[in-house]
Amino acid sequence: MRVALVSEHASPLACLGGVDAGGQNVHVAALAAALARRGDRVRVYTRADGPGLPPVVPMSAGVDVVHVPAGPAAPVAKDELLPFMPAFGDGLERAWQVDPPDVVHAHFWMSGWAAQRALTGSAVPLLQTFHALGTVKRRWQGAADTSPPERLGIEAGLARSVDRIVATCRDEVTELRALDAPRTPIDIVPCGVDLDLFTPGPTAPSPGRPRLLVLGRLVARKGIADAVRAMRRLPGAELVVAGGPDRSGLGADPEAVALTALAAELGVADRVHLVGRVDRADLPALIRSCAAVLAVPWYEPFGIVPLEAMACGVPVVATAVGGLTDTVVDGVTGVLVPPRDPAALAAAVERLLADDGRRQSMGRAGAHRARARYGWDDVARLTGRSYDAALGSVVAGAGSAR
């Protein structure tokens, strides 16, 4: 099958850790590679965000990344990209006239809008994975939400008009049905984890005190400040915060500066360590050096970090939001706590640190669950079923009218 993945702001070639570079980049890159392993020919279409980028870059066997000119050849914050999406859609249309795909799978709402524009009058089915929904973001961030005002209307329109939605968790299906999309078929296909990289192995605990880890982008909604606040109630532990720019750039990162100031204000600065971006190849060893991984966002469409921790055999303390309620089995592979509740977080961590046997049992259960359910080849197989179903609907004359 000729598969076009559209990911307008999240290039699979991007360096992770920036404000707009995270789970979606990993998802698109890993899904593309896994689809290619099953025999599909995959092209990933992303915006050209730098000068002199080659039009096409081979990423791995069977996968090419296509840079589509749209707007300045420079980084642009994703919430400022909408004005360039007509040009992005026109670029997709030109590319697909020369090299038509069998199926198009858009990732994020702007990718869906641009792909739908490019497919006007075409019988090629369009599938949509939102990765995050504006309604949820607005609910949690309120006035701090920087999404363009058009987002909610565009997402609702896509939910009603694409051929098929590929959601990542049960919570997302509930949110999508609330967008008045009663007839659009929705499949649940989770994100995956690299089971060759993230594996159980020898642990190297930090000397003197148990280590906790928060891993991810340095943005407020990830709840890192709540983890820092919890440290006041965990005097015997230390917290490592990995993510954001390289260590040398942390002093210029507003969220890193705010977290450092908060740790000092709470008197825990000596036990809270911001280490900046960690190379992906080094993440498993870092995870295995910890007693637990804290994944405590205010909201989370899916969340890959808990899967990476589970695959390494390390228990997770996570907020009971979004996709985390699917991946983390409370009391089995980790512990779920309410979001934005440092006291509940500290209490859960304290109980976990006091029971070595429980931690080890959760680690084993997490590794088993990750391997049984979340390998990328399994994710690609389920995604391929969605592609087949969308193609079948189009052939039967049941595809959506664009």
Protein backbone atom coordinates (compact mmCIF):
# COMPACT_ATOMS: atom_id res chain seq x y z
CA MET A 1 0.00 0.00 0.00
CA ARG A 2 1.19 3.55 -0.73
CA VAL A 3 0.66 5.43 2.53
CA ALA A 4 0.90 9.20 2.98
CA LEU A 5 1.37 10.33 6.56
CA VAL A 6 0.85 14.08 7.01
CA SER A 7 2.44 15.74 10.04
CA GLU A 8 2.67 19.45 9.37
CA HIS A 9 4.62 20.61 12.45
CA ALA A 10 6.02 17.37 13.87
CA SER A 11 8.73 16.09 11.57
CA PRO A 12 9.96 12.57 12.24
CA LEU A 13 13.47 13.95 11.67
CA ALA A 14 13.20 16.63 14.40
CA CYS A 15 15.36 16.82 17.48
CA LEU A 16 13.13 16.02 20.44
CA GLY A 17 12.76 18.17 23.53
CA GLY A 18 11.56 21.47 22.12
CA VAL A 19 8.19 23.00 22.97
CA ASP A 20 6.62 21.59 19.80
CA ALA A 21 8.75 18.45 19.41
CA GLY A 22 7.68 15.44 21.42
CA GLY A 23 5.36 12.47 21.30
CA GLN A 24 3.86 13.16 17.88
CA ASN A 25 7.30 13.21 16.27
CA VAL A 26 8.10 9.84 17.88
CA HIS A 27 4.72 8.42 16.92
CA VAL A 28 4.91 9.40 13.26
CA ALA A 29 8.50 8.21 12.86
CA ALA A 30 7.89 4.86 14.54
CA LEU A 31 4.57 4.23 12.81
CA ALA A 32 6.10 5.00 9.41
CA ALA A 33 8.96 2.57 10.00
CA ALA A 34 6.63 -0.15 11.27
CA LEU A 35 4.27 0.24 8.30
CA ALA A 36 7.27 -0.08 5.97
CA ARG A 37 8.37 -3.26 7.73
CA ARG A 38 5.02 -4.83 6.90
CA GLY A 39 5.54 -3.97 3.23
CA ASP A 40 3.91 -0.57 2.78
CA ARG A 41 5.63 2.28 0.95
CA VAL A 42 5.42 5.30 3.25
CA ARG A 43 5.94 8.99 2.60
CA VAL A 44 5.76 11.45 5.50
CA TYR A 45 4.81 14.99 4.48
CA THR A 46 5.93 17.78 6.82
CA ARG A 47 6.48 21.51 6.50
CA ALA A 48 9.92 22.64 5.36
CA ASP A 49 11.06 24.47 8.49
CA GLY A 50 14.66 25.22 7.59
CA PRO A 51 16.63 26.69 4.69
CA GLY A 52 18.13 24.35 2.15
CA LEU A 53 16.28 21.23 3.25
CA PRO A 54 16.25 18.54 0.56
CA PRO A 55 12.79 18.05 -0.93
CA VAL A 56 12.91 14.35 -0.07
CA VAL A 57 14.97 12.70 2.67
CA PRO A 58 15.16 8.89 3.02
CA MET A 59 14.45 8.12 6.68
CA SER A 60 14.62 4.33 6.75
CA ALA A 61 13.93 1.39 4.47
CA GLY A 62 10.65 2.10 2.71
CA VAL A 63 10.16 5.53 4.30
CA ASP A 64 10.82 8.97 2.79
CA VAL A 65 10.23 12.35 4.42
CA VAL A 66 8.93 15.01 2.03
CA HIS A 67 9.52 18.67 2.94
CA VAL A 68 6.62 20.79 1.70
CA PRO A 69 7.33 24.53 1.31
CA ALA A 70 4.72 26.56 3.23
CA GLY A 71 5.58 29.83 4.89
CA PRO A 72 9.06 30.78 6.02
CA ALA A 73 11.81 28.19 5.80
CA ALA A 74 12.35 28.54 9.53
CA PRO A 75 10.85 27.20 12.76
CA VAL A 76 7.38 28.56 13.48
CA ALA A 77 5.41 27.79 16.66
CA LYS A 78 2.66 25.33 15.81
CA ASP A 79 -0.05 27.66 17.11
CA GLU A 80 1.09 30.22 14.51
CA LEU A 81 1.09 27.86 11.53
CA LEU A 82 -2.55 28.06 10.42
CA PRO A 83 -2.01 30.97 7.95
CA PHE A 84 0.47 28.76 6.07
CA MET A 85 -1.79 25.72 5.84
CA PRO A 86 -3.45 26.71 2.52
CA ALA A 87 0.01 26.71 0.93
CA PHE A 88 0.82 23.42 2.70
CA GLY A 89 -2.39 21.88 1.35
CA ASP A 90 -1.61 23.12 -2.16
CA GLY A 91 1.85 21.57 -1.87
CA LEU A 92 0.30 18.26 -0.87
CA GLU A 93 -2.06 18.41 -3.83
CA ARG A 94 0.81 19.00 -6.26
CA ALA A 95 2.82 16.15 -4.75
CA TRP A 96 -0.10 13.74 -4.88
CA GLN A 97 -0.88 14.56 -8.49
CA VAL A 98 2.59 13.23 -9.34
CA ASP A 99 2.72 10.42 -6.77
CA PRO A 100 -0.83 9.56 -5.63
CA PRO A 101 -1.17 7.61 -2.39
CA ASP A 102 -3.67 4.83 -1.75
CA VAL A 103 -4.55 6.24 1.67
CA VAL A 104 -3.81 9.46 3.58
CA HIS A 105 -3.40 9.49 7.36
CA ALA A 106 -3.29 12.99 8.85
CA HIS A 107 -1.74 13.66 12.24
CA PHE A 108 -2.96 16.74 14.15
CA TRP A 109 -5.83 19.00 13.18
CA MET A 110 -3.94 21.30 10.81
CA SER A 111 -2.60 18.30 8.91
CA GLY A 112 -6.16 17.07 8.51
CA TRP A 113 -7.37 20.45 7.26
CA ALA A 114 -4.56 20.68 4.71
CA ALA A 115 -4.94 17.06 3.57
CA GLN A 116 -8.68 17.48 3.13
CA ARG A 117 -8.03 20.55 0.99
CA ALA A 118 -5.54 18.59 -1.10
CA LEU A 119 -7.96 15.67 -1.58
CA THR A 120 -10.94 17.72 -2.75
CA GLY A 121 -12.65 15.73 -5.49
CA SER A 122 -10.46 12.67 -4.83
CA ALA A 123 -11.58 9.18 -3.89
CA VAL A 124 -8.48 8.61 -1.74
CA PRO A 125 -9.65 7.94 1.83
CA LEU A 126 -8.57 10.31 4.60
CA LEU A 127 -7.98 9.06 8.13
CA GLN A 128 -7.38 11.41 11.04
CA THR A 129 -5.43 11.08 14.28
CA PHE A 130 -5.81 14.26 16.33
CA HIS A 131 -3.12 13.60 18.99
CA ALA A 132 -4.73 16.40 21.02
CA LEU A 133 -8.13 18.06 20.92
CA GLY A 134 -8.67 21.78 21.23
CA THR A 135 -11.73 21.32 23.43
CA VAL A 136 -9.64 19.51 26.03
CA LYS A 137 -6.80 22.00 25.80
CA ARG A 138 -9.21 24.92 26.24
CA ARG A 139 -10.85 23.20 29.22
CA TRP A 140 -7.55 22.88 31.08
CA GLN A 141 -5.67 25.97 29.94
CA GLY A 142 -8.46 28.51 29.59
CA ALA A 143 -7.15 31.92 28.63
CA ALA A 144 -3.60 30.55 28.51
CA ASP A 145 -4.50 28.44 25.46
CA THR A 146 -2.65 29.91 22.48
CA SER A 147 -4.44 27.82 19.84
CA PRO A 148 -5.96 29.84 16.99
CA PRO A 149 -9.69 30.45 17.49
CA GLU A 150 -10.50 28.49 14.32
CA ARG A 151 -9.20 25.26 15.83
CA LEU A 152 -12.38 24.09 17.56
CA GLY A 153 -14.53 24.53 14.47
CA ILE A 154 -12.01 22.88 12.17
CA GLU A 155 -11.61 19.89 14.49
CA ALA A 156 -15.36 19.43 14.77
CA GLY A 157 -15.68 19.58 10.99
CA LEU A 158 -12.94 17.01 10.50
CA ALA A 159 -14.52 14.70 13.06
CA ARG A 160 -17.70 14.69 11.00
CA SER A 161 -16.22 14.53 7.50
CA VAL A 162 -13.11 12.34 7.38
CA ASP A 163 -13.49 8.73 6.31
CA ARG A 164 -12.22 7.29 9.56
CA ILE A 165 -10.75 8.49 12.86
CA VAL A 166 -7.85 6.66 14.48
CA ALA A 167 -8.06 7.59 18.17
CA THR A 168 -5.34 6.68 20.63
CA CYS A 169 -7.45 5.93 23.73
CA ARG A 170 -10.97 5.47 25.10
CA ASP A 171 -11.07 8.94 26.63
CA GLU A 172 -10.47 10.49 23.21
CA VAL A 173 -13.43 8.59 21.75
CA THR A 174 -15.67 10.12 24.42
CA GLU A 175 -14.38 13.59 23.57
CA LEU A 176 -14.83 12.99 19.83
CA ARG A 177 -18.42 11.83 20.21
CA ALA A 178 -19.09 15.05 22.10
CA LEU A 179 -18.03 16.90 18.93
CA ASP A 180 -21.20 15.55 17.27
CA ALA A 181 -19.53 12.97 15.06
CA PRO A 182 -22.00 10.09 15.53
CA ARG A 183 -21.49 8.45 12.14
CA THR A 184 -17.74 8.69 11.61
CA PRO A 185 -16.13 5.29 12.30
CA ILE A 186 -13.59 5.49 15.11
CA ASP A 187 -10.91 2.89 15.77
CA ILE A 188 -8.78 2.89 18.91
CA VAL A 189 -5.13 2.28 18.07
CA PRO A 190 -2.69 3.14 20.86
CA CYS A 191 0.69 4.73 20.51
CA GLY A 192 3.57 2.31 20.79
CA VAL A 193 6.99 1.93 22.32
CA ASP A 194 10.32 0.80 20.88
CA LEU A 195 10.70 -2.58 22.56
CA ASP A 196 14.23 -3.02 21.20
CA LEU A 197 15.43 0.17 22.90
CA PHE A 198 13.32 0.26 26.06
CA THR A 199 13.91 -3.02 27.84
CA PRO A 200 14.19 -4.25 31.42
CA GLY A 201 17.78 -4.52 32.49
CA PRO A 202 20.27 -3.95 35.25
CA THR A 203 19.30 -1.06 37.48
CA ALA A 204 21.80 1.51 38.67
CA PRO A 205 20.07 3.31 41.53
CA SER A 206 21.48 6.64 42.57
CA PRO A 207 23.52 6.42 45.76
CA GLY A 208 22.05 7.60 49.04
CA ARG A 209 18.44 8.31 48.12
CA PRO A 210 15.80 6.96 45.73
CA ARG A 211 15.56 8.80 42.44
CA LEU A 212 12.33 9.89 40.78
CA LEU A 213 12.16 10.95 37.14
CA VAL A 214 10.01 13.33 35.15
CA LEU A 215 10.67 13.08 31.44
CA GLY A 216 9.24 15.27 28.72
CA ARG A 217 8.87 18.73 27.27
CA LEU A 218 9.18 21.66 29.65
CA VAL A 219 5.68 23.05 29.32
CA ALA A 220 3.30 23.91 32.15
CA ARG A 221 0.63 21.34 31.26
CA LYS A 222 3.07 18.48 31.86
CA GLY A 223 2.64 19.10 35.60
CA ILE A 224 6.34 19.22 36.42
CA ALA A 225 5.71 22.01 38.93
CA ASP A 226 3.35 19.65 40.78
CA ALA A 227 6.14 17.08 40.99
CA VAL A 228 8.50 19.73 42.38
CA ARG A 229 5.89 20.71 44.98
CA ALA A 230 5.48 17.05 45.97
CA MET A 231 9.19 16.89 46.80
CA ARG A 232 8.58 18.96 49.93
CA ARG A 233 6.73 15.93 51.34
CA LEU A 234 9.39 13.45 50.15
CA PRO A 235 12.53 14.50 52.05
CA GLY A 236 14.31 11.22 51.36
CA ALA A 237 14.05 11.33 47.57
CA GLU A 238 15.52 13.27 44.67
CA LEU A 239 13.82 14.34 41.44
CA VAL A 240 15.47 14.40 38.01
CA VAL A 241 13.73 16.50 35.36
CA ALA A 242 14.86 15.47 31.88
CA GLY A 243 13.70 17.35 28.81
CA GLY A 244 13.72 20.72 27.14
CA PRO A 245 16.85 22.23 25.61
CA ASP A 246 20.39 21.01 26.19
CA ARG A 247 21.63 21.63 29.73
CA SER A 248 23.56 24.67 28.52
CA GLY A 249 20.33 26.27 27.33
CA LEU A 250 18.24 25.76 30.47
CA GLY A 251 19.08 29.23 31.80
CA ALA A 252 17.28 30.77 28.83
CA ASP A 253 14.23 28.50 28.96
CA PRO A 254 11.32 30.23 30.77
CA GLU A 255 9.82 27.03 32.17
CA ALA A 256 13.20 25.76 33.37
CA VAL A 257 13.85 29.08 35.09
CA ALA A 258 10.41 28.97 36.73
CA LEU A 259 10.92 25.39 37.95
CA THR A 260 14.36 26.23 39.36
CA ALA A 261 12.91 29.22 41.19
CA LEU A 262 10.05 27.13 42.56
CA ALA A 263 12.44 24.47 43.87
CA ALA A 264 14.48 27.17 45.63
CA GLU A 265 11.35 28.76 47.11
CA LEU A 266 10.21 25.39 48.49
CA GLY A 267 13.64 24.55 49.89
CA VAL A 268 14.14 21.48 47.70
CA ALA A 269 16.63 22.86 45.19
CA ASP A 270 19.34 20.48 46.40
CA ARG A 271 17.10 17.51 45.52
CA VAL A 272 15.63 18.71 42.20
CA HIS A 273 17.96 18.40 39.22
CA LEU A 274 17.12 19.75 35.77
CA VAL A 275 19.40 17.96 33.31
CA GLY A 276 18.01 19.19 29.98
CA ARG A 277 17.62 17.10 26.87
CA VAL A 278 18.78 13.49 27.08
CA ASP A 279 19.72 11.58 23.95
CA ARG A 280 17.13 8.96 23.17
CA ALA A 281 19.69 6.17 23.26
CA ASP A 282 20.51 7.15 26.86
CA LEU A 283 16.92 7.21 28.11
CA PRO A 284 16.56 3.51 29.05
CA ALA A 285 19.56 3.63 31.40
CA LEU A 286 18.25 6.84 32.98
CA ILE A 287 14.80 5.32 33.47
CA ARG A 288 16.22 2.14 34.98
CA SER A 289 18.24 4.21 37.46
CA CYS A 290 15.00 5.44 39.04
CA ALA A 291 12.67 3.98 41.62
CA ALA A 292 9.67 5.38 39.76
CA VAL A 293 8.77 7.57 36.81
CA LEU A 294 6.29 10.38 37.41
CA ALA A 295 3.98 11.20 34.49
CA VAL A 296 1.74 13.90 35.95
CA PRO A 297 0.27 16.11 33.21
CA TRP A 298 -2.91 18.11 33.72
CA TYR A 299 -4.23 16.39 30.60
CA GLU A 300 -2.64 14.01 28.12
CA PRO A 301 -4.02 12.72 24.82
CA PHE A 302 -1.95 9.55 25.19
CA GLY A 303 1.50 9.82 26.76
CA ILE A 304 4.45 7.77 25.53
CA VAL A 305 6.69 8.23 28.59
CA PRO A 306 4.68 5.82 30.79
CA LEU A 307 5.06 3.15 28.10
CA GLU A 308 8.81 3.72 27.96
CA ALA A 309 9.03 3.37 31.75
CA MET A 310 6.87 0.25 31.78
CA ALA A 311 8.92 -1.33 29.00
CA CYS A 312 12.01 -0.74 31.15
CA GLY A 313 10.38 -2.47 34.12
CA VAL A 314 9.98 0.71 36.18
CA PRO A 315 6.65 1.54 37.89
CA VAL A 316 4.79 4.70 36.95
CA VAL A 317 2.94 7.20 39.12
CA ALA A 318 0.62 8.97 36.70
CA THR A 319 -2.30 11.33 36.71
CA ALA A 320 -5.63 9.73 35.85
CA VAL A 321 -6.16 11.66 32.63
CA GLY A 322 -6.58 10.82 28.94
CA GLY A 323 -4.63 7.90 27.61
CA LEU A 324 -2.79 7.32 30.89
CA THR A 325 -5.91 5.62 32.23
CA ASP A 326 -5.58 3.06 29.42
CA THR A 327 -1.86 2.35 29.68
CA VAL A 328 -1.24 2.46 33.44
CA VAL A 329 -3.22 -0.18 35.32
CA ASP A 330 -3.75 1.29 38.78
CA GLY A 331 -2.24 -0.93 41.44
CA VAL A 332 -0.76 -3.32 38.86
CA THR A 333 1.75 -1.47 36.65
CA GLY A 334 1.72 1.77 38.63
CA VAL A 335 -0.45 4.17 40.56
CA LEU A 336 -2.97 6.71 39.28
CA VAL A 337 -3.51 9.99 41.15
CA PRO A 338 -5.66 13.07 40.54
CA PRO A 339 -4.11 15.79 38.35
CA ARG A 340 -2.72 18.96 39.90
CA ASP A 341 -2.65 17.44 43.39
CA PRO A 342 0.92 17.45 44.78
CA ALA A 343 -0.22 16.06 48.13
CA ALA A 344 -1.87 13.01 46.54
CA LEU A 345 1.17 12.55 44.32
CA ALA A 346 3.55 12.66 47.28
CA ALA A 347 1.44 10.21 49.27
CA ALA A 348 1.37 7.72 46.39
CA VAL A 349 5.12 7.98 45.85
CA GLU A 350 5.81 7.65 49.57
CA ARG A 351 3.83 4.40 49.76
CA LEU A 352 5.57 3.05 46.68
CA LEU A 353 9.06 3.89 47.95
CA ALA A 354 8.30 2.15 51.25
CA ASP A 355 7.49 -1.19 49.57
CA ASP A 356 10.31 -2.67 47.48
CA GLY A 357 8.31 -5.80 46.69
CA ARG A 358 5.38 -3.80 45.35
CA ARG A 359 7.66 -1.71 43.17
CA GLN A 360 9.35 -4.77 41.73
CA SER A 361 6.01 -6.47 41.06
CA MET A 362 4.69 -3.38 39.29
CA GLY A 363 7.85 -3.16 37.22
CA ARG A 364 7.50 -6.77 36.03
CA ALA A 365 3.80 -6.29 35.25
CA GLY A 366 4.52 -3.09 33.34
CA ALA A 367 7.20 -4.74 31.21
CA HIS A 368 4.85 -7.61 30.39
CA ARG A 369 2.00 -5.25 29.48
CA ALA A 370 4.22 -3.09 27.26
CA ARG A 371 5.52 -6.09 25.36
CA ALA A 372 2.11 -7.72 25.01
CA ARG A 373 0.18 -4.66 23.83
CA TYR A 374 2.32 -1.76 22.69
CA GLY A 375 5.00 -2.88 20.25
CA TRP A 376 5.08 -0.73 17.11
CA ASP A 377 4.59 -3.72 14.82
CA ASP A 378 1.30 -4.43 16.62
CA VAL A 379 0.34 -0.76 16.31
CA ALA A 380 1.10 -0.85 12.57
CA ARG A 381 -0.99 -3.99 12.17
CA LEU A 382 -3.99 -2.33 13.84
CA THR A 383 -3.45 0.85 11.84
CA GLY A 384 -3.34 -1.19 8.65
CA ARG A 385 -6.74 -2.64 9.53
CA SER A 386 -8.10 0.90 9.74
CA TYR A 387 -6.61 1.68 6.32
CA ASP A 388 -8.20 -1.44 4.85
CA ALA A 389 -11.57 -0.54 6.35
CA ALA A 390 -11.40 3.02 4.98
CA LEU A 391 -10.45 1.75 1.53
CA GLY A 392 -13.28 -0.77 1.65
CA SER A 393 -15.79 1.94 2.53
CA VAL A 394 -14.65 4.10 -0.38
CA VAL A 395 -14.85 1.20 -2.80
CA ALA A 396 -18.36 0.41 -1.55
CA GLY A 397 -19.39 3.98 -2.15
CA ALA A 398 -19.69 4.82 1.54
CA GLY A 399 -16.74 7.22 1.75
CA SER A 400 -17.35 10.78 2.89
CA ALA A 401 -18.07 13.52 0.37
CA ARG A 402 -15.49 16.23 0.38
